[in-house]
Every structure is written in structure tokens, then in C-alpha cells.
Amino acid sequence: MLKVIKNGTDRLNIELSGKLNTEEMKVALDELCDKSKDIENGKMLYEIIDFHLPSLGAIAVEFSRLPAMFGLLKRFDRAAVLTDKAWLKKASEFEGYLIPGLEIKAFARDQKEEAEAWLSS
């Protein structure tokens, strides 16, 4: 499940848990696009609760929407990722190096206050 919550005018909170299938990915990406359409210089708090690789169909949906996703990411300056998986922390921070203008910093799930402070700084 991927849940997208708009938190103010420039912020999205995203929660990921479990494995996404094709339909869930379509709904989640539509919701992400819709809730971010008016955001500029935004911030994102991405909490990965229980990560499983998405289904092949879900990955295909994501790849088919890559141009729209890159456009969406330009609306954000910072993203904090909360996860307890060391490899996800490294992968998310590496992704920040690949996306110009987006700074990504990873935190442990029990460091939500620190992540919030970093997003606000």
C-alpha cells in the first residue's frame, strides 16, 4: 500500500508498506501527481514501513510514467526517507545524487523528529 497525504501547501507525506501490485501502483501514482500539482519548492516525508519489491506489472506502470515522475520531482527540493533498512537508506540518498535539485536524506524510522527538523531547516 502506498498512501499519499498532503500536509500543507508545500509538503507531501508518503507511507509505503507491503507489496504494490499493478492497480495499486496506478492509483498511487495518480494520487501522487494529483496531490503535488500545486506544490513548488516542496518537501516530502517518505516513510517505508514494510518494504517488498513491487510486482512486475507495478514496475512496468512506474516505468511507463517516468517522464511524468521526473516532472513531478522538480516540484520538490527536499525529501526525508524514514526506513530501518540500511540498503534503502543508501539507495535513497544515492537517488538524490541522480536527481538534480532534489536533496534526499535518510533517517531511521525512530528519527522522525530529526527528519521533520531537517525538512524544515
C-alpha atoms as a PDB file:
ATOM      1  CA  MET A   1       0.000   0.000   0.000  1.00  0.00           C
ATOM      2  CA  LEU A   2       1.197   3.490  -0.872  1.00  0.00           C
ATOM      3  CA  LYS A   3      -0.601   6.296   0.912  1.00  0.00           C
ATOM      4  CA  VAL A   4      -0.105   9.950  -0.134  1.00  0.00           C
ATOM      5  CA  ILE A   5      -1.147  12.678   2.303  1.00  0.00           C
ATOM      6  CA  LYS A   6      -0.926  16.387   1.520  1.00  0.00           C
ATOM      7  CA  ASN A   7       0.458  18.170   4.573  1.00  0.00           C
ATOM      8  CA  GLY A   8       0.187  21.918   3.974  1.00  0.00           C
ATOM      9  CA  THR A   9       0.841  23.817   0.769  1.00  0.00           C
ATOM     10  CA  ASP A  10       4.357  22.536   0.109  1.00  0.00           C
ATOM     11  CA  ARG A  11       4.532  19.107   1.675  1.00  0.00           C
ATOM     12  CA  LEU A  12       3.573  15.505   0.984  1.00  0.00           C
ATOM     13  CA  ASN A  13       3.792  12.612   3.410  1.00  0.00           C
ATOM     14  CA  ILE A  14       4.071   9.217   1.772  1.00  0.00           C
ATOM     15  CA  GLU A  15       3.729   5.872   3.529  1.00  0.00           C
ATOM     16  CA  LEU A  16       4.763   2.625   1.863  1.00  0.00           C
ATOM     17  CA  SER A  17       4.020  -0.759   3.329  1.00  0.00           C
ATOM     18  CA  GLY A  18       3.797  -4.158   1.724  1.00  0.00           C
ATOM     19  CA  LYS A  19       3.963  -5.088  -1.926  1.00  0.00           C
ATOM     20  CA  LEU A  20       2.333  -2.965  -4.632  1.00  0.00           C
ATOM     21  CA  ASN A  21       0.503  -4.623  -7.498  1.00  0.00           C
ATOM     22  CA  THR A  22      -0.317  -3.066 -10.877  1.00  0.00           C
ATOM     23  CA  GLU A  23      -3.609  -1.446  -9.879  1.00  0.00           C
ATOM     24  CA  GLU A  24      -2.270  -0.127  -6.569  1.00  0.00           C
ATOM     25  CA  MET A  25       0.683   1.440  -8.401  1.00  0.00           C
ATOM     26  CA  LYS A  26      -1.633   3.168 -10.905  1.00  0.00           C
ATOM     27  CA  VAL A  27      -3.782   4.579  -8.110  1.00  0.00           C
ATOM     28  CA  ALA A  28      -0.756   5.647  -6.048  1.00  0.00           C
ATOM     29  CA  LEU A  29       0.961   7.430  -8.948  1.00  0.00           C
ATOM     30  CA  ASP A  30      -2.286   9.187  -9.920  1.00  0.00           C
ATOM     31  CA  GLU A  31      -2.718  10.312  -6.322  1.00  0.00           C
ATOM     32  CA  LEU A  32       0.900  11.464  -6.124  1.00  0.00           C
ATOM     33  CA  CYS A  33       0.527  13.532  -9.310  1.00  0.00           C
ATOM     34  CA  ASP A  34      -2.796  14.990  -8.216  1.00  0.00           C
ATOM     35  CA  LYS A  35      -1.697  15.972  -4.707  1.00  0.00           C
ATOM     36  CA  SER A  36       1.587  17.511  -5.876  1.00  0.00           C
ATOM     37  CA  LYS A  37       0.283  19.529  -8.844  1.00  0.00           C
ATOM     38  CA  ASP A  38       0.266  22.889  -6.991  1.00  0.00           C
ATOM     39  CA  ILE A  39       3.455  22.360  -4.985  1.00  0.00           C
ATOM     40  CA  GLU A  40       6.564  24.479  -5.560  1.00  0.00           C
ATOM     41  CA  ASN A  41       9.830  24.132  -3.612  1.00  0.00           C
ATOM     42  CA  GLY A  42       8.193  21.232  -1.839  1.00  0.00           C
ATOM     43  CA  LYS A  43       9.250  18.801   0.806  1.00  0.00           C
ATOM     44  CA  MET A  44       8.441  15.139   1.108  1.00  0.00           C
ATOM     45  CA  LEU A  45       8.472  12.803   4.113  1.00  0.00           C
ATOM     46  CA  TYR A  46       8.611   9.234   2.814  1.00  0.00           C
ATOM     47  CA  GLU A  47       8.121   6.537   5.432  1.00  0.00           C
ATOM     48  CA  ILE A  48       8.926   2.988   4.369  1.00  0.00           C
ATOM     49  CA  ILE A  49       7.224   0.792   6.925  1.00  0.00           C
ATOM     50  CA  ASP A  50       7.461  -2.669   5.400  1.00  0.00           C
ATOM     51  CA  PHE A  51       9.234  -2.822   2.039  1.00  0.00           C
ATOM     52  CA  HIS A  52       8.621  -5.532  -0.536  1.00  0.00           C
ATOM     53  CA  LEU A  53       9.576  -5.308  -4.172  1.00  0.00           C
ATOM     54  CA  PRO A  54       6.552  -4.323  -6.272  1.00  0.00           C
ATOM     55  CA  SER A  55       5.070  -6.765  -8.765  1.00  0.00           C
ATOM     56  CA  LEU A  56       6.446  -6.772 -12.322  1.00  0.00           C
ATOM     57  CA  GLY A  57       3.217  -5.154 -13.507  1.00  0.00           C
ATOM     58  CA  ALA A  58       3.614  -2.368 -10.952  1.00  0.00           C
ATOM     59  CA  ILE A  59       7.206  -1.781 -12.083  1.00  0.00           C
ATOM     60  CA  ALA A  60       6.004  -1.589 -15.699  1.00  0.00           C
ATOM     61  CA  VAL A  61       3.421   1.044 -14.704  1.00  0.00           C
ATOM     62  CA  GLU A  62       6.106   3.069 -12.939  1.00  0.00           C
ATOM     63  CA  PHE A  63       8.461   2.901 -15.926  1.00  0.00           C
ATOM     64  CA  SER A  64       5.667   3.925 -18.281  1.00  0.00           C
ATOM     65  CA  ARG A  65       5.191   7.093 -16.214  1.00  0.00           C
ATOM     66  CA  LEU A  66       8.846   8.032 -15.771  1.00  0.00           C
ATOM     67  CA  PRO A  67       8.610  11.317 -17.738  1.00  0.00           C
ATOM     68  CA  ALA A  68       5.702  12.469 -15.558  1.00  0.00           C
ATOM     69  CA  MET A  69       7.520  11.354 -12.409  1.00  0.00           C
ATOM     70  CA  PHE A  70      10.638  13.357 -13.310  1.00  0.00           C
ATOM     71  CA  GLY A  71       8.429  16.403 -13.868  1.00  0.00           C
ATOM     72  CA  LEU A  72       6.790  15.821 -10.513  1.00  0.00           C
ATOM     73  CA  LEU A  73      10.131  15.560  -8.710  1.00  0.00           C
ATOM     74  CA  LYS A  74      11.114  19.027  -9.982  1.00  0.00           C
ATOM     75  CA  ARG A  75       8.441  20.421  -7.655  1.00  0.00           C
ATOM     76  CA  PHE A  76      10.399  19.229  -4.606  1.00  0.00           C
ATOM     77  CA  ASP A  77      13.645  20.464  -3.053  1.00  0.00           C
ATOM     78  CA  ARG A  78      13.992  18.009  -0.189  1.00  0.00           C
ATOM     79  CA  ALA A  79      12.884  14.516   0.728  1.00  0.00           C
ATOM     80  CA  ALA A  80      13.417  12.744   4.026  1.00  0.00           C
ATOM     81  CA  VAL A  81      13.212   8.955   3.919  1.00  0.00           C
ATOM     82  CA  LEU A  82      12.398   7.021   7.086  1.00  0.00           C
ATOM     83  CA  THR A  83      13.437   3.374   6.953  1.00  0.00           C
ATOM     84  CA  ASP A  84      15.178   0.806   9.108  1.00  0.00           C
ATOM     85  CA  LYS A  85      16.795  -0.937   6.136  1.00  0.00           C
ATOM     86  CA  ALA A  86      20.412   0.190   5.656  1.00  0.00           C
ATOM     87  CA  TRP A  87      20.379  -0.614   1.938  1.00  0.00           C
ATOM     88  CA  LEU A  88      17.233   1.509   1.402  1.00  0.00           C
ATOM     89  CA  LYS A  89      18.896   4.424   3.204  1.00  0.00           C
ATOM     90  CA  LYS A  90      21.905   4.201   0.899  1.00  0.00           C
ATOM     91  CA  ALA A  91      19.783   3.698  -2.218  1.00  0.00           C
ATOM     92  CA  SER A  92      17.551   6.675  -1.445  1.00  0.00           C
ATOM     93  CA  GLU A  93      20.486   9.007  -0.756  1.00  0.00           C
ATOM     94  CA  PHE A  94      22.187   7.794  -3.956  1.00  0.00           C
ATOM     95  CA  GLU A  95      18.970   8.583  -5.837  1.00  0.00           C
ATOM     96  CA  GLY A  96      19.298  12.150  -4.539  1.00  0.00           C
ATOM     97  CA  TYR A  97      22.621  12.452  -6.364  1.00  0.00           C
ATOM     98  CA  LEU A  98      20.947  11.393  -9.613  1.00  0.00           C
ATOM     99  CA  ILE A  99      18.056  13.878  -9.461  1.00  0.00           C
ATOM    100  CA  PRO A 100      19.217  17.476  -9.917  1.00  0.00           C
ATOM    101  CA  GLY A 101      17.703  19.919  -7.439  1.00  0.00           C
ATOM    102  CA  LEU A 102      16.404  17.269  -5.038  1.00  0.00           C
ATOM    103  CA  GLU A 103      18.255  16.620  -1.802  1.00  0.00           C
ATOM    104  CA  ILE A 104      17.388  13.298  -0.172  1.00  0.00           C
ATOM    105  CA  LYS A 105      18.442  12.353   3.337  1.00  0.00           C
ATOM    106  CA  ALA A 106      17.671   9.034   5.007  1.00  0.00           C
ATOM    107  CA  PHE A 107      16.809   8.520   8.658  1.00  0.00           C
ATOM    108  CA  ALA A 108      15.938   5.559  10.854  1.00  0.00           C
ATOM    109  CA  ARG A 109      12.205   5.216  11.456  1.00  0.00           C
ATOM    110  CA  ASP A 110      12.627   6.262  15.095  1.00  0.00           C
ATOM    111  CA  GLN A 111      14.239   9.542  13.951  1.00  0.00           C
ATOM    112  CA  LYS A 112      11.050  11.162  12.688  1.00  0.00           C
ATOM    113  CA  GLU A 113      11.604  14.325  14.763  1.00  0.00           C
ATOM    114  CA  GLU A 114      15.094  14.737  13.266  1.00  0.00           C
ATOM    115  CA  ALA A 115      13.712  14.197   9.766  1.00  0.00           C
ATOM    116  CA  GLU A 116      10.982  16.786  10.379  1.00  0.00           C
ATOM    117  CA  ALA A 117      13.580  19.282  11.658  1.00  0.00           C
ATOM    118  CA  TRP A 118      15.792  18.676   8.614  1.00  0.00           C
ATOM    119  CA  LEU A 119      12.871  19.194   6.243  1.00  0.00           C
ATOM    120  CA  SER A 120      12.021  22.475   7.997  1.00  0.00           C
ATOM    121  CA  SER A 121      15.589  23.833   8.027  1.00  0.00           C
END
